[in-house]
Amino acid sequence: MQLNDFNEIRSNVANKIKTNFGNKINYIEFYDIVEVEGYWSFKIGFYAYDYFFVVFNYELDIIGFSIEIGNGKLLSILNTHNCYSNTNMDSYIQNVIKSIELRIPDKYLISRGWK
């Protein structure tokens, strides 16, 4: 993979997250970026629904979303490992959104206008 491809993947993922979550997220950041030839990884962290800190992880084309549960520990949102190159990101993120919403009380989502 070329560095330009890696930068494009990071940008594409961030845009897909912003587009799919819309006003349900804030404070999006990139961190733990590794750009070594033959090894590419990064994380995108953001607050979803003002309720959870969510982490998107990309490592060597394997992707996943997790919820931070404290002390840097992460709980996987979907119990599947997906390859970025084989995944429809819009559909994948919509499944993540549905799974996150199941973990938040309906009263909270309704009071914020998200349900």
N, C-alpha and C. Protein backbone atom coordinates (compact mmCIF):
# COMPACT_ATOMS: atom_id res chain seq x y z
N MET A 1 0.85 -1.17 0.00
CA MET A 1 0.00 0.00 0.00
C MET A 1 0.89 1.23 0.00
N GLN A 2 0.48 2.22 -0.73
CA GLN A 2 1.19 3.48 -0.78
C GLN A 2 0.66 4.42 0.30
N LEU A 3 1.49 5.36 0.72
CA LEU A 3 1.10 6.31 1.75
C LEU A 3 -0.14 7.09 1.33
N ASN A 4 -0.24 7.47 0.05
CA ASN A 4 -1.43 8.19 -0.43
C ASN A 4 -2.69 7.36 -0.26
N ASP A 5 -2.60 6.05 -0.50
CA ASP A 5 -3.75 5.16 -0.31
C ASP A 5 -4.16 5.12 1.16
N PHE A 6 -3.16 5.05 2.03
CA PHE A 6 -3.42 5.01 3.47
C PHE A 6 -4.10 6.30 3.93
N ASN A 7 -3.60 7.43 3.47
CA ASN A 7 -4.22 8.71 3.82
C ASN A 7 -5.64 8.80 3.28
N GLU A 8 -5.86 8.25 2.10
CA GLU A 8 -7.19 8.24 1.50
C GLU A 8 -8.15 7.37 2.33
N ILE A 9 -7.68 6.24 2.81
CA ILE A 9 -8.50 5.37 3.65
C ILE A 9 -8.89 6.10 4.92
N ARG A 10 -7.93 6.73 5.58
CA ARG A 10 -8.23 7.48 6.82
C ARG A 10 -9.28 8.56 6.56
N SER A 11 -9.09 9.31 5.50
CA SER A 11 -10.03 10.38 5.17
C SER A 11 -11.40 9.82 4.83
N ASN A 12 -11.45 8.75 4.05
CA ASN A 12 -12.70 8.14 3.65
C ASN A 12 -13.48 7.62 4.86
N VAL A 13 -12.79 6.93 5.77
CA VAL A 13 -13.45 6.38 6.96
C VAL A 13 -14.02 7.52 7.81
N ALA A 14 -13.23 8.56 8.05
CA ALA A 14 -13.70 9.68 8.85
C ALA A 14 -14.93 10.33 8.22
N ASN A 15 -14.91 10.51 6.92
CA ASN A 15 -16.07 11.10 6.23
C ASN A 15 -17.30 10.21 6.33
N LYS A 16 -17.11 8.89 6.20
CA LYS A 16 -18.24 7.96 6.32
C LYS A 16 -18.82 7.98 7.73
N ILE A 17 -17.96 8.04 8.73
CA ILE A 17 -18.43 8.12 10.11
C ILE A 17 -19.24 9.39 10.31
N LYS A 18 -18.70 10.52 9.88
CA LYS A 18 -19.40 11.80 10.03
C LYS A 18 -20.73 11.80 9.30
N THR A 19 -20.75 11.28 8.09
CA THR A 19 -21.97 11.28 7.27
C THR A 19 -23.04 10.38 7.88
N ASN A 20 -22.65 9.18 8.29
CA ASN A 20 -23.63 8.21 8.80
C ASN A 20 -24.13 8.56 10.20
N PHE A 21 -23.26 9.03 11.07
CA PHE A 21 -23.68 9.38 12.42
C PHE A 21 -24.34 10.76 12.47
N GLY A 22 -23.95 11.65 11.58
CA GLY A 22 -24.52 13.00 11.55
C GLY A 22 -24.32 13.72 12.86
N ASN A 23 -25.42 14.28 13.40
CA ASN A 23 -25.34 15.08 14.63
C ASN A 23 -25.26 14.21 15.89
N LYS A 24 -25.11 12.92 15.73
CA LYS A 24 -25.04 12.01 16.88
C LYS A 24 -23.62 11.85 17.41
N ILE A 25 -22.65 12.52 16.79
CA ILE A 25 -21.26 12.42 17.26
C ILE A 25 -20.67 13.81 17.44
N ASN A 26 -19.62 13.84 18.26
CA ASN A 26 -18.80 15.04 18.36
C ASN A 26 -17.40 14.63 18.76
N TYR A 27 -16.49 15.58 18.70
CA TYR A 27 -15.09 15.39 19.07
C TYR A 27 -14.50 14.16 18.39
N ILE A 28 -14.25 14.27 17.11
CA ILE A 28 -13.63 13.17 16.38
C ILE A 28 -12.13 13.43 16.28
N GLU A 29 -11.34 12.37 16.53
CA GLU A 29 -9.88 12.53 16.49
C GLU A 29 -9.22 11.27 15.92
N PHE A 30 -8.09 11.47 15.27
CA PHE A 30 -7.22 10.38 14.83
C PHE A 30 -6.12 10.20 15.86
N TYR A 31 -5.75 8.96 16.14
CA TYR A 31 -4.62 8.72 17.03
C TYR A 31 -4.03 7.34 16.77
N ASP A 32 -2.91 7.06 17.41
CA ASP A 32 -2.17 5.80 17.22
C ASP A 32 -1.96 5.48 15.75
N ILE A 33 -1.54 6.49 15.01
CA ILE A 33 -1.30 6.33 13.57
C ILE A 33 0.10 5.75 13.36
N VAL A 34 0.16 4.64 12.63
CA VAL A 34 1.44 4.01 12.30
C VAL A 34 1.52 3.95 10.78
N GLU A 35 2.56 4.58 10.25
CA GLU A 35 2.77 4.62 8.80
C GLU A 35 4.15 4.05 8.49
N VAL A 36 4.27 2.76 8.61
CA VAL A 36 5.52 2.08 8.31
C VAL A 36 5.27 1.20 7.10
N GLU A 37 6.19 1.22 6.16
CA GLU A 37 5.99 0.40 4.97
C GLU A 37 5.73 -1.05 5.36
N GLY A 38 4.62 -1.57 4.88
CA GLY A 38 4.22 -2.94 5.19
C GLY A 38 3.33 -3.05 6.42
N TYR A 39 3.18 -1.95 7.16
CA TYR A 39 2.31 -1.97 8.34
C TYR A 39 1.63 -0.62 8.49
N TRP A 40 0.30 -0.63 8.37
CA TRP A 40 -0.47 0.60 8.44
C TRP A 40 -1.59 0.42 9.46
N SER A 41 -1.71 1.34 10.39
CA SER A 41 -2.81 1.26 11.35
C SER A 41 -3.16 2.66 11.86
N PHE A 42 -4.38 2.79 12.31
CA PHE A 42 -4.83 4.04 12.93
C PHE A 42 -6.10 3.78 13.71
N LYS A 43 -6.42 4.73 14.56
CA LYS A 43 -7.68 4.70 15.31
C LYS A 43 -8.35 6.06 15.14
N ILE A 44 -9.68 6.00 15.13
CA ILE A 44 -10.49 7.22 15.14
C ILE A 44 -11.38 7.12 16.37
N GLY A 45 -11.31 8.10 17.23
CA GLY A 45 -12.14 8.12 18.42
C GLY A 45 -13.14 9.26 18.36
N PHE A 46 -14.33 9.03 18.88
CA PHE A 46 -15.36 10.07 18.89
C PHE A 46 -16.40 9.74 19.96
N TYR A 47 -17.09 10.77 20.41
CA TYR A 47 -18.20 10.58 21.35
C TYR A 47 -19.47 10.40 20.54
N ALA A 48 -20.18 9.30 20.79
CA ALA A 48 -21.43 9.01 20.10
C ALA A 48 -22.59 9.20 21.06
N TYR A 49 -23.57 9.95 20.62
CA TYR A 49 -24.79 10.17 21.39
C TYR A 49 -24.53 10.84 22.74
N ASP A 50 -23.40 11.50 22.89
CA ASP A 50 -23.02 12.07 24.19
C ASP A 50 -23.13 11.01 25.28
N TYR A 51 -22.85 9.76 24.92
CA TYR A 51 -23.06 8.64 25.83
C TYR A 51 -21.84 7.72 25.90
N PHE A 52 -21.27 7.37 24.74
CA PHE A 52 -20.14 6.46 24.67
C PHE A 52 -18.98 7.11 23.93
N PHE A 53 -17.76 6.73 24.33
CA PHE A 53 -16.59 7.04 23.51
C PHE A 53 -16.36 5.82 22.63
N VAL A 54 -16.45 6.02 21.33
CA VAL A 54 -16.36 4.94 20.35
C VAL A 54 -15.02 5.02 19.63
N VAL A 55 -14.43 3.88 19.39
CA VAL A 55 -13.14 3.80 18.70
C VAL A 55 -13.29 2.94 17.45
N PHE A 56 -12.89 3.52 16.32
CA PHE A 56 -12.77 2.75 15.08
C PHE A 56 -11.30 2.38 14.97
N ASN A 57 -11.04 1.12 14.67
CA ASN A 57 -9.67 0.63 14.56
C ASN A 57 -9.43 0.07 13.16
N TYR A 58 -8.32 0.48 12.54
CA TYR A 58 -7.89 -0.06 11.26
C TYR A 58 -6.47 -0.58 11.45
N GLU A 59 -6.27 -1.87 11.14
CA GLU A 59 -4.93 -2.43 11.24
C GLU A 59 -4.76 -3.47 10.14
N LEU A 60 -3.88 -3.17 9.21
CA LEU A 60 -3.60 -4.09 8.10
C LEU A 60 -4.87 -4.57 7.41
N ASP A 61 -5.78 -3.65 7.12
CA ASP A 61 -7.03 -3.87 6.41
C ASP A 61 -8.12 -4.51 7.26
N ILE A 62 -7.85 -4.84 8.51
CA ILE A 62 -8.87 -5.36 9.42
C ILE A 62 -9.47 -4.18 10.18
N ILE A 63 -10.80 -4.13 10.23
CA ILE A 63 -11.47 -2.99 10.85
C ILE A 63 -12.43 -3.44 11.93
N GLY A 64 -12.75 -2.52 12.82
CA GLY A 64 -13.73 -2.81 13.86
C GLY A 64 -14.05 -1.56 14.66
N PHE A 65 -15.22 -1.56 15.28
CA PHE A 65 -15.65 -0.49 16.18
C PHE A 65 -15.76 -1.05 17.58
N SER A 66 -15.35 -0.25 18.56
CA SER A 66 -15.42 -0.65 19.96
C SER A 66 -15.90 0.52 20.81
N ILE A 67 -16.39 0.19 21.99
CA ILE A 67 -16.76 1.19 22.99
C ILE A 67 -15.71 1.13 24.08
N GLU A 68 -15.20 2.31 24.46
CA GLU A 68 -14.25 2.34 25.57
C GLU A 68 -15.02 2.19 26.87
N ILE A 69 -14.60 1.23 27.70
CA ILE A 69 -15.32 0.97 28.95
C ILE A 69 -14.52 1.38 30.18
N GLY A 70 -13.45 2.10 29.97
CA GLY A 70 -12.64 2.59 31.08
C GLY A 70 -11.23 2.04 31.08
N ASN A 71 -10.32 2.84 31.57
CA ASN A 71 -8.90 2.44 31.68
C ASN A 71 -8.34 1.93 30.36
N GLY A 72 -8.80 2.49 29.24
CA GLY A 72 -8.29 2.09 27.94
C GLY A 72 -8.78 0.75 27.44
N LYS A 73 -9.70 0.13 28.16
CA LYS A 73 -10.25 -1.16 27.74
C LYS A 73 -11.37 -0.94 26.75
N LEU A 74 -11.41 -1.79 25.73
CA LEU A 74 -12.40 -1.66 24.67
C LEU A 74 -13.30 -2.89 24.60
N LEU A 75 -14.56 -2.66 24.30
CA LEU A 75 -15.55 -3.71 24.12
C LEU A 75 -16.02 -3.64 22.66
N SER A 76 -15.81 -4.71 21.92
CA SER A 76 -16.19 -4.73 20.51
C SER A 76 -17.70 -4.54 20.35
N ILE A 77 -18.09 -3.71 19.41
CA ILE A 77 -19.51 -3.45 19.17
C ILE A 77 -20.13 -4.58 18.35
N LEU A 78 -19.47 -4.98 17.29
CA LEU A 78 -19.92 -6.11 16.47
C LEU A 78 -18.91 -7.23 16.65
N ASN A 79 -19.37 -8.43 16.82
CA ASN A 79 -18.46 -9.55 17.05
C ASN A 79 -17.97 -10.17 15.75
N THR A 80 -17.62 -9.30 14.82
CA THR A 80 -17.09 -9.78 13.54
C THR A 80 -15.84 -8.99 13.20
N HIS A 81 -14.94 -9.61 12.48
CA HIS A 81 -13.78 -8.93 11.94
C HIS A 81 -14.03 -8.75 10.45
N ASN A 82 -13.86 -7.54 9.98
CA ASN A 82 -14.11 -7.26 8.58
C ASN A 82 -12.86 -6.69 7.94
N CYS A 83 -12.74 -6.93 6.66
CA CYS A 83 -11.66 -6.33 5.88
C CYS A 83 -12.18 -5.06 5.24
N TYR A 84 -11.45 -3.99 5.41
CA TYR A 84 -11.85 -2.71 4.83
C TYR A 84 -12.09 -2.84 3.33
N SER A 85 -11.19 -3.55 2.64
CA SER A 85 -11.26 -3.65 1.19
C SER A 85 -12.50 -4.42 0.71
N ASN A 86 -13.13 -5.23 1.58
CA ASN A 86 -14.29 -6.02 1.18
C ASN A 86 -15.59 -5.56 1.83
N THR A 87 -15.59 -4.40 2.47
CA THR A 87 -16.73 -3.98 3.27
C THR A 87 -17.40 -2.75 2.68
N ASN A 88 -18.73 -2.79 2.62
CA ASN A 88 -19.50 -1.60 2.29
C ASN A 88 -19.57 -0.77 3.57
N MET A 89 -18.79 0.29 3.64
CA MET A 89 -18.65 1.04 4.88
C MET A 89 -19.97 1.66 5.34
N ASP A 90 -20.79 2.14 4.43
CA ASP A 90 -22.07 2.74 4.84
C ASP A 90 -22.95 1.71 5.55
N SER A 91 -23.06 0.54 4.98
CA SER A 91 -23.86 -0.53 5.58
C SER A 91 -23.26 -0.97 6.91
N TYR A 92 -21.95 -1.11 6.94
CA TYR A 92 -21.24 -1.53 8.15
C TYR A 92 -21.47 -0.52 9.28
N ILE A 93 -21.34 0.76 8.99
CA ILE A 93 -21.53 1.80 10.00
C ILE A 93 -22.99 1.84 10.45
N GLN A 94 -23.94 1.62 9.56
CA GLN A 94 -25.35 1.58 9.96
C GLN A 94 -25.59 0.44 10.95
N ASN A 95 -24.95 -0.70 10.74
CA ASN A 95 -25.07 -1.81 11.70
C ASN A 95 -24.46 -1.43 13.05
N VAL A 96 -23.37 -0.71 13.02
CA VAL A 96 -22.75 -0.23 14.27
C VAL A 96 -23.68 0.73 14.99
N ILE A 97 -24.29 1.64 14.25
CA ILE A 97 -25.22 2.60 14.84
C ILE A 97 -26.38 1.88 15.52
N LYS A 98 -26.95 0.91 14.83
CA LYS A 98 -28.07 0.14 15.42
C LYS A 98 -27.63 -0.57 16.70
N SER A 99 -26.44 -1.13 16.68
CA SER A 99 -25.94 -1.84 17.85
C SER A 99 -25.68 -0.89 19.01
N ILE A 100 -25.15 0.28 18.73
CA ILE A 100 -24.92 1.27 19.78
C ILE A 100 -26.25 1.72 20.37
N GLU A 101 -27.23 1.98 19.52
CA GLU A 101 -28.53 2.45 20.01
C GLU A 101 -29.21 1.42 20.91
N LEU A 102 -28.94 0.14 20.68
CA LEU A 102 -29.50 -0.90 21.55
C LEU A 102 -28.91 -0.84 22.96
N ARG A 103 -27.74 -0.24 23.10
CA ARG A 103 -27.06 -0.15 24.39
C ARG A 103 -27.42 1.13 25.17
N ILE A 104 -28.24 1.98 24.57
CA ILE A 104 -28.60 3.26 25.18
C ILE A 104 -30.10 3.24 25.49
N PRO A 105 -30.50 3.67 26.68
CA PRO A 105 -31.94 3.68 27.01
C PRO A 105 -32.76 4.51 26.01
N ASP A 106 -33.92 3.97 25.63
CA ASP A 106 -34.80 4.67 24.69
C ASP A 106 -35.17 6.06 25.18
N LYS A 107 -35.43 6.20 26.48
CA LYS A 107 -35.80 7.51 27.03
C LYS A 107 -34.72 8.55 26.73
N TYR A 108 -33.49 8.15 26.85
CA TYR A 108 -32.37 9.06 26.58
C TYR A 108 -32.36 9.46 25.10
N LEU A 109 -32.48 8.47 24.20
CA LEU A 109 -32.46 8.76 22.76
C LEU A 109 -33.65 9.65 22.38
N ILE A 110 -34.82 9.37 22.93
CA ILE A 110 -36.02 10.18 22.63
C ILE A 110 -35.83 11.61 23.13
N SER A 111 -35.31 11.76 24.33
CA SER A 111 -35.15 13.10 24.91
C SER A 111 -34.18 13.95 24.09
N ARG A 112 -33.28 13.32 23.37
CA ARG A 112 -32.31 14.04 22.54
C ARG A 112 -32.76 14.15 21.09
N GLY A 113 -33.91 13.57 20.76
CA GLY A 113 -34.42 13.63 19.39
C GLY A 113 -33.75 12.67 18.44
N TRP A 114 -33.16 11.60 18.96
CA TRP A 114 -32.47 10.63 18.12
C TRP A 114 -33.26 9.36 17.88
N LYS A 115 -34.49 9.33 18.38
CA LYS A 115 -35.34 8.15 18.15
C LYS A 115 -36.76 8.57 18.01
